[in-house]
Amino acid sequence: MPKRITLKHIANTFGVSIATVSKALSDSYEISTSTKEKIVAYARANNYKSKSIDLSLLHKKTKTIGVIIPNIMNSFFAKVFVGIEAKANEHGYHLISCISNESYEKEVKTMELLKSDTLDGILISLAEETQVKQKYAHLKNAINEGVPVVMFDRVSEEINCDKVVVNDLEGAYHATKHLIQTGCKRVALISVIDNLSVGKLRVQGYKKALQEFKIPVEEKLIVRIGKHEDFDTVLKITLADKTIDGLLCLEESSAVNALQIIKHMQYNIPEDMSIACFTNGKMLQHLTPSISAISQHGKYIGETAAKLLIDRIENEDQNKPFETKVIKTSLIERQSTRKI
C-alpha cells in the first residue's frame, strides 16, 4: 500500500513551509507559478489527499478539529467529549480524537501527528505527566506555527491561548462547607490527583471552608495517595481515627472505593460518616447509598471549548485577545450526606 503523504511531507520535499504548500495547492497569487506547478504536480503524482480536502483548502479551511483527552475512562472527560462533538457537528466540523493516557511522551507525539495533518485547530486537556514535568514546548511550538489551540480543564498558565476551566476551588469549598453545615466535625480529604492543577485547587477550596468555620487545618487529614500506594490500606489506616466523620474525595473512583470500605468497616452513612466527591458520574446515583457530588458540567465545558476554538478559527482578526472561560460547579445532594 502506497504511503499517504501530508502537507508536512511535501513541505520537507521542497524545502518550504507548510503554509507555502497549502497556498500553492489553493492556487494562491502569493506563490510563484513555477513553485505552484512543481508542488501541484508532486501532490497529484502521490495522490495527495481527497477531493473534499482539496476543495476545502481553496477556502483555507478543512472543517476538522483535533481533540486530545488525557483519560477516556474518566466519566468527566467522556461528558466533555459529548459536548465537543455536539458543538462541532452544529458548525459542520469533523473531529479527530486522541487519548494521551496521562503520558507526556504520547501527548507530544499526538500533537506532532495532528499538526502534520490538515487541521483547523486543536482542543487539549493536559496529561498528568505533562503537568508533573511542566514541559510545554510542544504546545508553544504549535501556537507559534499558527495552529489555534484551546485548553480545557487541565491547563497551564505558561501557555498563551484560549482556555476553559472549572472553578475547582469554589466546588471544593462549597462541598466542604456543606459537610460542616450538616454536622461533620472533622472532614478528611482524599486525593489521588495531587499532581494535577485541579487537585491543588480543590485542596485550596477545602482549606478555605475549614478556615471560614475556624476549624484547624490538619495536614494529616489531607490524604494524598500515590499511584503505587494501596488505596484500601491507606484509607483504612486513616479511618482508624474514629473522630473523622466526613470525607471529601477529589474524584469519582476514590469515592466509590471509599464507600465500600466504609460500609465494610460498619459505619452508618451518613449518620457516622458523610461522603462527597467530584465528578457527577451516573454511577454515583445508583450506588447504595447514592453519593453527593460536585457537578463540573462536563458537556457544557466541551461545548464552550469547541465554540471558543471555532470562533478563533473563523475570526479573521488575528489580534483578538485570548479568553479564559470559568465554569461554575453545582453540588448535587444525595443520600451520603445529611440534610441541613
C-alpha atoms as a PDB file:
ATOM      1  CA  MET A   1       0.000   0.000   0.000  1.00  0.00           C
ATOM      2  CA  PRO A   2       1.471   3.390  -1.002  1.00  0.00           C
ATOM      3  CA  LYS A   3       2.318   5.707   1.889  1.00  0.00           C
ATOM      4  CA  ARG A   4      -0.122   8.588   2.415  1.00  0.00           C
ATOM      5  CA  ILE A   5       1.662  11.920   2.217  1.00  0.00           C
ATOM      6  CA  THR A   6       0.901  15.060   4.180  1.00  0.00           C
ATOM      7  CA  LEU A   7       1.446  18.788   3.810  1.00  0.00           C
ATOM      8  CA  LYS A   8       4.493  18.433   6.056  1.00  0.00           C
ATOM      9  CA  HIS A   9       5.950  15.723   3.799  1.00  0.00           C
ATOM     10  CA  ILE A  10       5.531  17.896   0.690  1.00  0.00           C
ATOM     11  CA  ALA A  11       6.987  20.906   2.517  1.00  0.00           C
ATOM     12  CA  ASN A  12      10.084  18.908   3.517  1.00  0.00           C
ATOM     13  CA  THR A  13      10.478  17.599  -0.045  1.00  0.00           C
ATOM     14  CA  PHE A  14      10.671  21.114  -1.498  1.00  0.00           C
ATOM     15  CA  GLY A  15      12.318  22.795   1.487  1.00  0.00           C
ATOM     16  CA  VAL A  16       9.434  25.203   2.027  1.00  0.00           C
ATOM     17  CA  SER A  17       6.934  25.855   4.822  1.00  0.00           C
ATOM     18  CA  ILE A  18       3.628  24.023   5.282  1.00  0.00           C
ATOM     19  CA  ALA A  19       1.875  27.355   4.681  1.00  0.00           C
ATOM     20  CA  THR A  20       3.620  27.676   1.295  1.00  0.00           C
ATOM     21  CA  VAL A  21       2.461  24.203   0.246  1.00  0.00           C
ATOM     22  CA  SER A  22      -1.093  24.958   1.358  1.00  0.00           C
ATOM     23  CA  LYS A  23      -1.110  28.214  -0.601  1.00  0.00           C
ATOM     24  CA  ALA A  24       0.346  26.533  -3.673  1.00  0.00           C
ATOM     25  CA  LEU A  25      -2.360  23.847  -3.621  1.00  0.00           C
ATOM     26  CA  SER A  26      -5.043  26.526  -3.271  1.00  0.00           C
ATOM     27  CA  ASP A  27      -3.576  28.451  -6.252  1.00  0.00           C
ATOM     28  CA  SER A  28      -2.661  31.488  -4.150  1.00  0.00           C
ATOM     29  CA  TYR A  29      -1.262  34.534  -6.000  1.00  0.00           C
ATOM     30  CA  GLU A  30       1.382  34.783  -3.244  1.00  0.00           C
ATOM     31  CA  ILE A  31       3.255  31.758  -4.630  1.00  0.00           C
ATOM     32  CA  SER A  32       5.205  31.861  -7.903  1.00  0.00           C
ATOM     33  CA  THR A  33       3.801  29.930 -10.854  1.00  0.00           C
ATOM     34  CA  SER A  34       6.848  27.654 -11.152  1.00  0.00           C
ATOM     35  CA  THR A  35       6.711  26.687  -7.446  1.00  0.00           C
ATOM     36  CA  LYS A  36       2.961  26.066  -7.645  1.00  0.00           C
ATOM     37  CA  GLU A  37       3.338  23.843 -10.697  1.00  0.00           C
ATOM     38  CA  LYS A  38       6.046  21.711  -9.048  1.00  0.00           C
ATOM     39  CA  ILE A  39       4.107  21.286  -5.799  1.00  0.00           C
ATOM     40  CA  VAL A  40       0.768  20.548  -7.502  1.00  0.00           C
ATOM     41  CA  ALA A  41       2.412  18.022  -9.863  1.00  0.00           C
ATOM     42  CA  TYR A  42       4.093  16.258  -6.946  1.00  0.00           C
ATOM     43  CA  ALA A  43       0.844  16.199  -4.931  1.00  0.00           C
ATOM     44  CA  ARG A  44      -1.084  14.701  -7.841  1.00  0.00           C
ATOM     45  CA  ALA A  45       1.597  12.106  -8.577  1.00  0.00           C
ATOM     46  CA  ASN A  46       1.495  10.966  -4.945  1.00  0.00           C
ATOM     47  CA  ASN A  47      -2.307  11.023  -4.637  1.00  0.00           C
ATOM     48  CA  TYR A  48      -2.252  13.734  -2.008  1.00  0.00           C
ATOM     49  CA  LYS A  49      -5.499  13.996  -0.046  1.00  0.00           C
ATOM     50  CA  SER A  50      -9.033  13.652  -1.326  1.00  0.00           C
ATOM     51  CA  LYS A  51     -11.088  15.969  -3.488  1.00  0.00           C
ATOM     52  CA  SER A  52     -13.087  17.093  -0.467  1.00  0.00           C
ATOM     53  CA  ILE A  53      -9.932  18.181   1.335  1.00  0.00           C
ATOM     54  CA  ASP A  54      -8.608  19.908  -1.782  1.00  0.00           C
ATOM     55  CA  LEU A  55     -11.861  21.822  -2.146  1.00  0.00           C
ATOM     56  CA  SER A  56     -11.770  22.911   1.474  1.00  0.00           C
ATOM     57  CA  LEU A  57      -8.187  24.090   1.018  1.00  0.00           C
ATOM     58  CA  LEU A  58      -9.484  26.547  -1.575  1.00  0.00           C
ATOM     59  CA  HIS A  59     -11.259  28.220   1.329  1.00  0.00           C
ATOM     60  CA  LYS A  60      -8.261  27.588   3.631  1.00  0.00           C
ATOM     61  CA  LYS A  61     -10.450  25.530   5.984  1.00  0.00           C
ATOM     62  CA  THR A  62     -10.697  21.765   6.354  1.00  0.00           C
ATOM     63  CA  LYS A  63     -13.513  21.881   8.942  1.00  0.00           C
ATOM     64  CA  THR A  64     -11.554  19.376  11.050  1.00  0.00           C
ATOM     65  CA  ILE A  65     -10.554  19.731  14.723  1.00  0.00           C
ATOM     66  CA  GLY A  66      -8.135  17.574  16.729  1.00  0.00           C
ATOM     67  CA  VAL A  67      -9.083  16.641  20.316  1.00  0.00           C
ATOM     68  CA  ILE A  68      -6.573  15.299  22.875  1.00  0.00           C
ATOM     69  CA  ILE A  69      -8.123  13.860  26.051  1.00  0.00           C
ATOM     70  CA  PRO A  70      -5.968  12.503  28.918  1.00  0.00           C
ATOM     71  CA  ASN A  71      -8.232   9.687  30.133  1.00  0.00           C
ATOM     72  CA  ILE A  72     -11.353   8.431  28.364  1.00  0.00           C
ATOM     73  CA  MET A  73     -12.219   6.143  31.318  1.00  0.00           C
ATOM     74  CA  ASN A  74     -12.951   9.241  33.387  1.00  0.00           C
ATOM     75  CA  SER A  75     -16.681   9.997  33.072  1.00  0.00           C
ATOM     76  CA  PHE A  76     -15.971  13.734  33.190  1.00  0.00           C
ATOM     77  CA  PHE A  77     -13.899  13.625  30.002  1.00  0.00           C
ATOM     78  CA  ALA A  78     -16.481  11.421  28.320  1.00  0.00           C
ATOM     79  CA  LYS A  79     -19.070  14.139  29.010  1.00  0.00           C
ATOM     80  CA  VAL A  80     -16.699  16.837  27.755  1.00  0.00           C
ATOM     81  CA  PHE A  81     -16.227  14.945  24.511  1.00  0.00           C
ATOM     82  CA  VAL A  82     -20.007  14.666  24.047  1.00  0.00           C
ATOM     83  CA  GLY A  83     -20.203  18.456  24.328  1.00  0.00           C
ATOM     84  CA  ILE A  84     -17.319  18.987  21.905  1.00  0.00           C
ATOM     85  CA  GLU A  85     -18.898  16.681  19.345  1.00  0.00           C
ATOM     86  CA  ALA A  86     -22.327  18.335  19.641  1.00  0.00           C
ATOM     87  CA  LYS A  87     -20.932  21.837  19.072  1.00  0.00           C
ATOM     88  CA  ALA A  88     -18.595  20.682  16.271  1.00  0.00           C
ATOM     89  CA  ASN A  89     -21.466  18.973  14.440  1.00  0.00           C
ATOM     90  CA  GLU A  90     -23.606  22.067  14.828  1.00  0.00           C
ATOM     91  CA  HIS A  91     -20.976  24.104  12.970  1.00  0.00           C
ATOM     92  CA  GLY A  92     -20.156  21.436  10.374  1.00  0.00           C
ATOM     93  CA  TYR A  93     -16.772  20.393  11.822  1.00  0.00           C
ATOM     94  CA  HIS A  94     -15.322  16.878  11.962  1.00  0.00           C
ATOM     95  CA  LEU A  95     -13.254  15.559  14.884  1.00  0.00           C
ATOM     96  CA  ILE A  96     -10.051  13.544  15.126  1.00  0.00           C
ATOM     97  CA  SER A  97      -9.956  12.309  18.728  1.00  0.00           C
ATOM     98  CA  CYS A  98      -6.828  11.061  20.517  1.00  0.00           C
ATOM     99  CA  ILE A  99      -6.054   9.879  24.068  1.00  0.00           C
ATOM    100  CA  SER A 100      -2.755  10.760  25.739  1.00  0.00           C
ATOM    101  CA  ASN A 101      -3.337   8.191  28.511  1.00  0.00           C
ATOM    102  CA  GLU A 102      -1.785  10.639  31.018  1.00  0.00           C
ATOM    103  CA  SER A 103       1.583  10.318  29.192  1.00  0.00           C
ATOM    104  CA  TYR A 104       3.744  13.347  28.341  1.00  0.00           C
ATOM    105  CA  GLU A 105       5.543  11.476  25.551  1.00  0.00           C
ATOM    106  CA  LYS A 106       2.285  10.313  23.977  1.00  0.00           C
ATOM    107  CA  GLU A 107       0.854  13.822  24.229  1.00  0.00           C
ATOM    108  CA  VAL A 108       3.893  15.249  22.408  1.00  0.00           C
ATOM    109  CA  LYS A 109       3.716  12.608  19.667  1.00  0.00           C
ATOM    110  CA  THR A 110      -0.035  13.094  19.293  1.00  0.00           C
ATOM    111  CA  MET A 111       0.398  16.851  18.954  1.00  0.00           C
ATOM    112  CA  GLU A 112       3.021  16.324  16.240  1.00  0.00           C
ATOM    113  CA  LEU A 113       0.738  13.867  14.450  1.00  0.00           C
ATOM    114  CA  LEU A 114      -2.184  16.286  14.484  1.00  0.00           C
ATOM    115  CA  LYS A 115      -0.012  19.183  13.346  1.00  0.00           C
ATOM    116  CA  SER A 116       1.263  17.173  10.371  1.00  0.00           C
ATOM    117  CA  ASP A 117      -2.293  16.664   9.146  1.00  0.00           C
ATOM    118  CA  THR A 118      -4.548  19.367   7.764  1.00  0.00           C
ATOM    119  CA  LEU A 119      -6.432  20.565  10.834  1.00  0.00           C
ATOM    120  CA  ASP A 120      -8.007  23.893  11.631  1.00  0.00           C
ATOM    121  CA  GLY A 121      -7.251  23.721  15.367  1.00  0.00           C
ATOM    122  CA  ILE A 122      -6.672  21.587  18.465  1.00  0.00           C
ATOM    123  CA  LEU A 123      -8.533  21.135  21.762  1.00  0.00           C
ATOM    124  CA  ILE A 124      -6.460  19.673  24.597  1.00  0.00           C
ATOM    125  CA  SER A 125      -6.612  18.806  28.298  1.00  0.00           C
ATOM    126  CA  LEU A 126      -3.114  18.176  29.651  1.00  0.00           C
ATOM    127  CA  ALA A 127      -1.868  14.737  30.644  1.00  0.00           C
ATOM    128  CA  GLU A 128      -0.918  14.231  34.289  1.00  0.00           C
ATOM    129  CA  GLU A 129       2.718  13.568  33.363  1.00  0.00           C
ATOM    130  CA  THR A 130       2.854  16.811  31.354  1.00  0.00           C
ATOM    131  CA  GLN A 131       1.736  18.790  34.395  1.00  0.00           C
ATOM    132  CA  VAL A 132       4.252  16.986  36.610  1.00  0.00           C
ATOM    133  CA  LYS A 133       7.146  17.636  34.181  1.00  0.00           C
ATOM    134  CA  GLN A 134       5.872  21.150  33.362  1.00  0.00           C
ATOM    135  CA  LYS A 135       7.186  20.818  29.815  1.00  0.00           C
ATOM    136  CA  TYR A 136       5.055  22.688  27.321  1.00  0.00           C
ATOM    137  CA  ALA A 137       7.325  23.263  24.301  1.00  0.00           C
ATOM    138  CA  HIS A 138       5.098  21.117  22.057  1.00  0.00           C
ATOM    139  CA  LEU A 139       2.137  23.393  22.792  1.00  0.00           C
ATOM    140  CA  LYS A 140       4.113  26.605  22.387  1.00  0.00           C
ATOM    141  CA  ASN A 141       5.510  25.346  19.079  1.00  0.00           C
ATOM    142  CA  ALA A 142       2.051  24.552  17.739  1.00  0.00           C
ATOM    143  CA  ILE A 143       0.768  28.011  18.660  1.00  0.00           C
ATOM    144  CA  ASN A 144       3.873  29.684  17.175  1.00  0.00           C
ATOM    145  CA  GLU A 145       3.251  27.753  13.944  1.00  0.00           C
ATOM    146  CA  GLY A 146      -0.195  29.324  13.724  1.00  0.00           C
ATOM    147  CA  VAL A 147      -2.266  26.370  14.978  1.00  0.00           C
ATOM    148  CA  PRO A 148      -5.235  27.620  17.054  1.00  0.00           C
ATOM    149  CA  VAL A 149      -5.245  25.815  20.429  1.00  0.00           C
ATOM    150  CA  VAL A 150      -7.849  25.820  23.187  1.00  0.00           C
ATOM    151  CA  MET A 151      -7.045  24.170  26.518  1.00  0.00           C
ATOM    152  CA  PHE A 152      -9.782  22.857  28.820  1.00  0.00           C
ATOM    153  CA  ASP A 153      -9.960  21.707  32.459  1.00  0.00           C
ATOM    154  CA  ARG A 154      -6.250  20.932  32.925  1.00  0.00           C
ATOM    155  CA  VAL A 155      -4.410  23.992  31.702  1.00  0.00           C
ATOM    156  CA  SER A 156      -1.098  25.802  32.142  1.00  0.00           C
ATOM    157  CA  GLU A 157      -0.649  29.489  32.857  1.00  0.00           C
ATOM    158  CA  GLU A 158       2.532  29.323  30.745  1.00  0.00           C
ATOM    159  CA  ILE A 159       0.546  28.811  27.547  1.00  0.00           C
ATOM    160  CA  ASN A 160      -0.950  31.888  25.922  1.00  0.00           C
ATOM    161  CA  CYS A 161      -4.176  30.640  24.351  1.00  0.00           C
ATOM    162  CA  ASP A 162      -7.930  30.405  24.926  1.00  0.00           C
ATOM    163  CA  LYS A 163      -8.921  28.258  27.932  1.00  0.00           C
ATOM    164  CA  VAL A 164     -11.985  26.783  29.602  1.00  0.00           C
ATOM    165  CA  VAL A 165     -11.593  25.890  33.276  1.00  0.00           C
ATOM    166  CA  VAL A 166     -13.798  24.674  36.102  1.00  0.00           C
ATOM    167  CA  ASN A 167     -13.942  26.689  39.310  1.00  0.00           C
ATOM    168  CA  ASP A 168     -12.447  23.756  41.229  1.00  0.00           C
ATOM    169  CA  LEU A 169     -11.577  25.833  44.282  1.00  0.00           C
ATOM    170  CA  GLU A 170     -15.169  27.027  44.606  1.00  0.00           C
ATOM    171  CA  GLY A 171     -16.519  23.486  44.124  1.00  0.00           C
ATOM    172  CA  ALA A 172     -14.373  22.020  46.910  1.00  0.00           C
ATOM    173  CA  TYR A 173     -15.189  24.983  49.155  1.00  0.00           C
ATOM    174  CA  HIS A 174     -18.955  24.504  48.781  1.00  0.00           C
ATOM    175  CA  ALA A 175     -18.749  20.703  49.247  1.00  0.00           C
ATOM    176  CA  THR A 176     -16.645  21.049  52.424  1.00  0.00           C
ATOM    177  CA  LYS A 177     -18.936  23.793  53.698  1.00  0.00           C
ATOM    178  CA  HIS A 178     -21.947  21.511  53.124  1.00  0.00           C
ATOM    179  CA  LEU A 179     -20.312  18.689  55.111  1.00  0.00           C
ATOM    180  CA  ILE A 180     -19.570  21.052  58.007  1.00  0.00           C
ATOM    181  CA  GLN A 181     -23.024  22.632  57.983  1.00  0.00           C
ATOM    182  CA  THR A 182     -24.661  19.201  58.118  1.00  0.00           C
ATOM    183  CA  GLY A 183     -22.796  18.290  61.304  1.00  0.00           C
ATOM    184  CA  CYS A 184     -19.333  16.991  60.355  1.00  0.00           C
ATOM    185  CA  LYS A 185     -16.668  17.990  62.895  1.00  0.00           C
ATOM    186  CA  ARG A 186     -13.549  16.517  61.238  1.00  0.00           C
ATOM    187  CA  VAL A 187     -13.520  16.246  57.448  1.00  0.00           C
ATOM    188  CA  ALA A 188     -10.712  14.341  55.738  1.00  0.00           C
ATOM    189  CA  LEU A 189      -9.747  14.964  52.126  1.00  0.00           C
ATOM    190  CA  ILE A 190      -8.806  12.032  49.865  1.00  0.00           C
ATOM    191  CA  SER A 191      -6.724  12.890  46.797  1.00  0.00           C
ATOM    192  CA  VAL A 192      -5.323  10.599  44.118  1.00  0.00           C
ATOM    193  CA  ILE A 193      -4.772  13.595  41.799  1.00  0.00           C
ATOM    194  CA  ASP A 194      -2.311  15.651  43.817  1.00  0.00           C
ATOM    195  CA  ASN A 195      -0.056  16.051  40.752  1.00  0.00           C
ATOM    196  CA  LEU A 196      -2.766  17.855  38.797  1.00  0.00           C
ATOM    197  CA  SER A 197      -3.526  21.574  38.818  1.00  0.00           C
ATOM    198  CA  VAL A 198      -7.196  20.793  39.519  1.00  0.00           C
ATOM    199  CA  GLY A 199      -6.233  18.679  42.534  1.00  0.00           C
ATOM    200  CA  LYS A 200      -4.234  21.518  44.063  1.00  0.00           C
ATOM    201  CA  LEU A 201      -7.108  23.961  43.561  1.00  0.00           C
ATOM    202  CA  ARG A 202      -9.540  21.575  45.246  1.00  0.00           C
ATOM    203  CA  VAL A 203      -7.271  21.311  48.295  1.00  0.00           C
ATOM    204  CA  GLN A 204      -7.250  25.121  48.493  1.00  0.00           C
ATOM    205  CA  GLY A 205     -11.057  25.165  48.438  1.00  0.00           C
ATOM    206  CA  TYR A 206     -11.212  22.578  51.220  1.00  0.00           C
ATOM    207  CA  LYS A 207      -8.838  24.630  53.374  1.00  0.00           C
ATOM    208  CA  LYS A 208     -10.790  27.820  52.690  1.00  0.00           C
ATOM    209  CA  ALA A 209     -14.003  26.263  54.054  1.00  0.00           C
ATOM    210  CA  LEU A 210     -12.259  24.969  57.199  1.00  0.00           C
ATOM    211  CA  GLN A 211     -10.737  28.382  57.867  1.00  0.00           C
ATOM    212  CA  GLU A 212     -14.111  30.095  57.382  1.00  0.00           C
ATOM    213  CA  PHE A 213     -15.601  27.905  60.125  1.00  0.00           C
ATOM    214  CA  LYS A 214     -12.487  28.380  62.290  1.00  0.00           C
ATOM    215  CA  ILE A 215     -11.627  24.661  62.093  1.00  0.00           C
ATOM    216  CA  PRO A 216      -7.863  23.982  62.242  1.00  0.00           C
ATOM    217  CA  VAL A 217      -6.338  22.638  59.005  1.00  0.00           C
ATOM    218  CA  GLU A 218      -4.755  19.288  59.906  1.00  0.00           C
ATOM    219  CA  GLU A 219      -2.297  18.174  57.234  1.00  0.00           C
ATOM    220  CA  LYS A 220      -2.679  14.552  58.352  1.00  0.00           C
ATOM    221  CA  LEU A 221      -6.330  14.737  57.253  1.00  0.00           C
ATOM    222  CA  ILE A 222      -5.251  15.694  53.713  1.00  0.00           C
ATOM    223  CA  VAL A 223      -4.573  12.158  52.491  1.00  0.00           C
ATOM    224  CA  ARG A 224      -2.598  12.112  49.252  1.00  0.00           C
ATOM    225  CA  ILE A 225      -2.482   8.608  47.757  1.00  0.00           C
ATOM    226  CA  GLY A 226       0.099   7.938  45.041  1.00  0.00           C
ATOM    227  CA  LYS A 227      -0.304   5.595  42.080  1.00  0.00           C
ATOM    228  CA  HIS A 228       1.881   2.939  43.640  1.00  0.00           C
ATOM    229  CA  GLU A 229       0.223   3.015  47.055  1.00  0.00           C
ATOM    230  CA  ASP A 230      -2.565   0.670  48.075  1.00  0.00           C
ATOM    231  CA  PHE A 231      -5.693   2.815  48.311  1.00  0.00           C
ATOM    232  CA  ASP A 232      -7.596   0.444  50.616  1.00  0.00           C
ATOM    233  CA  THR A 233      -4.767   0.163  53.129  1.00  0.00           C
ATOM    234  CA  VAL A 234      -4.144   3.924  53.287  1.00  0.00           C
ATOM    235  CA  LEU A 235      -7.842   4.685  53.743  1.00  0.00           C
ATOM    236  CA  LYS A 236      -8.311   2.039  56.441  1.00  0.00           C
ATOM    237  CA  ILE A 237      -5.371   3.492  58.364  1.00  0.00           C
ATOM    238  CA  THR A 238      -6.867   6.976  58.017  1.00  0.00           C
ATOM    239  CA  LEU A 239     -10.315   5.875  59.184  1.00  0.00           C
ATOM    240  CA  ALA A 240      -8.849   4.128  62.212  1.00  0.00           C
ATOM    241  CA  ASP A 241      -9.232   7.613  63.683  1.00  0.00           C
ATOM    242  CA  LYS A 242     -12.883   7.297  64.703  1.00  0.00           C
ATOM    243  CA  THR A 243     -13.255  11.054  65.157  1.00  0.00           C
ATOM    244  CA  ILE A 244     -13.265  11.557  61.363  1.00  0.00           C
ATOM    245  CA  ASP A 245     -16.895  11.884  60.326  1.00  0.00           C
ATOM    246  CA  GLY A 246     -16.686  13.339  56.814  1.00  0.00           C
ATOM    247  CA  LEU A 247     -14.826  12.608  53.560  1.00  0.00           C
ATOM    248  CA  LEU A 248     -14.272  14.826  50.547  1.00  0.00           C
ATOM    249  CA  CYS A 249     -12.948  12.690  47.661  1.00  0.00           C
ATOM    250  CA  LEU A 250     -11.375  14.674  44.842  1.00  0.00           C
ATOM    251  CA  GLU A 251     -12.525  12.323  42.089  1.00  0.00           C
ATOM    252  CA  GLU A 252     -15.197   9.731  41.484  1.00  0.00           C
ATOM    253  CA  SER A 253     -13.410   6.370  41.623  1.00  0.00           C
ATOM    254  CA  SER A 254     -11.857   7.110  45.029  1.00  0.00           C
ATOM    255  CA  ALA A 255     -15.330   7.925  46.392  1.00  0.00           C
ATOM    256  CA  VAL A 256     -16.714   4.607  45.102  1.00  0.00           C
ATOM    257  CA  ASN A 257     -13.815   2.692  46.680  1.00  0.00           C
ATOM    258  CA  ALA A 258     -14.149   4.657  49.914  1.00  0.00           C
ATOM    259  CA  LEU A 259     -17.869   3.894  50.130  1.00  0.00           C
ATOM    260  CA  GLN A 260     -17.238   0.143  50.010  1.00  0.00           C
ATOM    261  CA  ILE A 261     -14.504   0.331  52.653  1.00  0.00           C
ATOM    262  CA  ILE A 262     -16.615   2.496  54.963  1.00  0.00           C
ATOM    263  CA  LYS A 263     -19.556   0.109  54.680  1.00  0.00           C
ATOM    264  CA  HIS A 264     -17.236  -2.839  55.376  1.00  0.00           C
ATOM    265  CA  MET A 265     -15.997  -1.037  58.498  1.00  0.00           C
ATOM    266  CA  GLN A 266     -19.680  -0.891  59.543  1.00  0.00           C
ATOM    267  CA  TYR A 267     -20.053   2.868  59.599  1.00  0.00           C
ATOM    268  CA  ASN A 268     -23.596   4.144  59.176  1.00  0.00           C
ATOM    269  CA  ILE A 269     -23.792   6.539  56.228  1.00  0.00           C
ATOM    270  CA  PRO A 270     -24.424   9.454  56.600  1.00  0.00           C
ATOM    271  CA  GLU A 271     -25.004   9.346  60.391  1.00  0.00           C
ATOM    272  CA  ASP A 272     -21.443   8.237  61.274  1.00  0.00           C
ATOM    273  CA  MET A 273     -19.679   9.222  58.053  1.00  0.00           C
ATOM    274  CA  SER A 274     -20.708  11.611  55.268  1.00  0.00           C
ATOM    275  CA  ILE A 275     -19.154  11.450  51.783  1.00  0.00           C
ATOM    276  CA  ALA A 276     -18.997  13.958  48.927  1.00  0.00           C
ATOM    277  CA  CYS A 277     -16.899  13.814  45.762  1.00  0.00           C
ATOM    278  CA  PHE A 278     -16.029  15.497  42.492  1.00  0.00           C
ATOM    279  CA  THR A 279     -17.403  14.449  39.086  1.00  0.00           C
ATOM    280  CA  ASN A 280     -21.089  13.687  38.940  1.00  0.00           C
ATOM    281  CA  GLY A 281     -20.971  10.396  37.020  1.00  0.00           C
ATOM    282  CA  LYS A 282     -24.124   8.337  36.517  1.00  0.00           C
ATOM    283  CA  MET A 283     -22.771   5.506  38.669  1.00  0.00           C
ATOM    284  CA  LEU A 284     -22.903   7.641  41.830  1.00  0.00           C
ATOM    285  CA  GLN A 285     -26.686   7.938  41.794  1.00  0.00           C
ATOM    286  CA  HIS A 286     -27.155   4.157  41.520  1.00  0.00           C
ATOM    287  CA  LEU A 287     -24.974   3.190  44.495  1.00  0.00           C
ATOM    288  CA  THR A 288     -26.416   2.389  47.927  1.00  0.00           C
ATOM    289  CA  PRO A 289     -26.320   4.899  49.416  1.00  0.00           C
ATOM    290  CA  SER A 290     -26.065   7.302  46.463  1.00  0.00           C
ATOM    291  CA  ILE A 291     -23.131   9.728  46.720  1.00  0.00           C
ATOM    292  CA  SER A 292     -23.402  13.522  46.868  1.00  0.00           C
ATOM    293  CA  ALA A 293     -21.279  15.032  44.106  1.00  0.00           C
ATOM    294  CA  ILE A 294     -19.897  18.256  42.679  1.00  0.00           C
ATOM    295  CA  SER A 295     -21.043  18.521  39.065  1.00  0.00           C
ATOM    296  CA  GLN A 296     -18.492  20.178  36.782  1.00  0.00           C
ATOM    297  CA  HIS A 297     -20.946  20.340  33.872  1.00  0.00           C
ATOM    298  CA  GLY A 298     -18.634  18.447  31.530  1.00  0.00           C
ATOM    299  CA  LYS A 299     -20.895  18.635  28.471  1.00  0.00           C
ATOM    300  CA  TYR A 300     -21.139  22.414  28.775  1.00  0.00           C
ATOM    301  CA  ILE A 301     -17.348  22.667  29.164  1.00  0.00           C
ATOM    302  CA  GLY A 302     -16.938  20.707  25.911  1.00  0.00           C
ATOM    303  CA  GLU A 303     -19.455  22.897  24.098  1.00  0.00           C
ATOM    304  CA  THR A 304     -17.775  26.067  25.389  1.00  0.00           C
ATOM    305  CA  ALA A 305     -14.267  24.901  24.429  1.00  0.00           C
ATOM    306  CA  ALA A 306     -15.370  23.874  20.929  1.00  0.00           C
ATOM    307  CA  LYS A 307     -17.200  27.175  20.406  1.00  0.00           C
ATOM    308  CA  LEU A 308     -14.119  29.141  21.514  1.00  0.00           C
ATOM    309  CA  LEU A 309     -11.930  27.231  19.047  1.00  0.00           C
ATOM    310  CA  ILE A 310     -14.378  27.561  16.145  1.00  0.00           C
ATOM    311  CA  ASP A 311     -14.700  31.306  16.809  1.00  0.00           C
ATOM    312  CA  ARG A 312     -10.908  31.558  16.828  1.00  0.00           C
ATOM    313  CA  ILE A 313     -10.634  29.605  13.544  1.00  0.00           C
ATOM    314  CA  GLU A 314     -13.310  31.610  11.755  1.00  0.00           C
ATOM    315  CA  ASN A 315     -12.384  35.057  13.108  1.00  0.00           C
ATOM    316  CA  GLU A 316     -10.211  36.948  10.654  1.00  0.00           C
ATOM    317  CA  ASP A 317      -8.813  39.196  13.407  1.00  0.00           C
ATOM    318  CA  GLN A 318      -5.524  37.538  14.359  1.00  0.00           C
ATOM    319  CA  ASN A 319      -5.057  40.035  17.200  1.00  0.00           C
ATOM    320  CA  LYS A 320      -8.236  39.051  19.026  1.00  0.00           C
ATOM    321  CA  PRO A 321      -7.331  38.744  22.746  1.00  0.00           C
ATOM    322  CA  PHE A 322      -7.363  35.286  24.310  1.00  0.00           C
ATOM    323  CA  GLU A 323     -10.182  34.389  26.701  1.00  0.00           C
ATOM    324  CA  THR A 324     -10.422  32.201  29.793  1.00  0.00           C
ATOM    325  CA  LYS A 325     -13.941  30.964  30.495  1.00  0.00           C
ATOM    326  CA  VAL A 326     -14.587  29.842  34.097  1.00  0.00           C
ATOM    327  CA  ILE A 327     -17.410  27.324  34.569  1.00  0.00           C
ATOM    328  CA  LYS A 328     -19.166  27.230  37.940  1.00  0.00           C
ATOM    329  CA  THR A 329     -19.870  23.934  39.707  1.00  0.00           C
ATOM    330  CA  SER A 330     -23.058  22.638  41.358  1.00  0.00           C
ATOM    331  CA  LEU A 331     -23.409  20.423  44.441  1.00  0.00           C
ATOM    332  CA  ILE A 332     -25.844  17.537  43.902  1.00  0.00           C
ATOM    333  CA  GLU A 333     -27.031  16.349  47.339  1.00  0.00           C
ATOM    334  CA  ARG A 334     -27.761  12.631  47.715  1.00  0.00           C
ATOM    335  CA  GLN A 335     -28.000  10.016  50.469  1.00  0.00           C
ATOM    336  CA  SER A 336     -24.323  10.073  51.519  1.00  0.00           C
ATOM    337  CA  THR A 337     -24.638  13.448  53.215  1.00  0.00           C
ATOM    338  CA  ARG A 338     -27.044  14.643  55.863  1.00  0.00           C
ATOM    339  CA  LYS A 339     -29.666  17.319  55.274  1.00  0.00           C
ATOM    340  CA  ILE A 340     -29.263  20.776  56.730  1.00  0.00           C
END
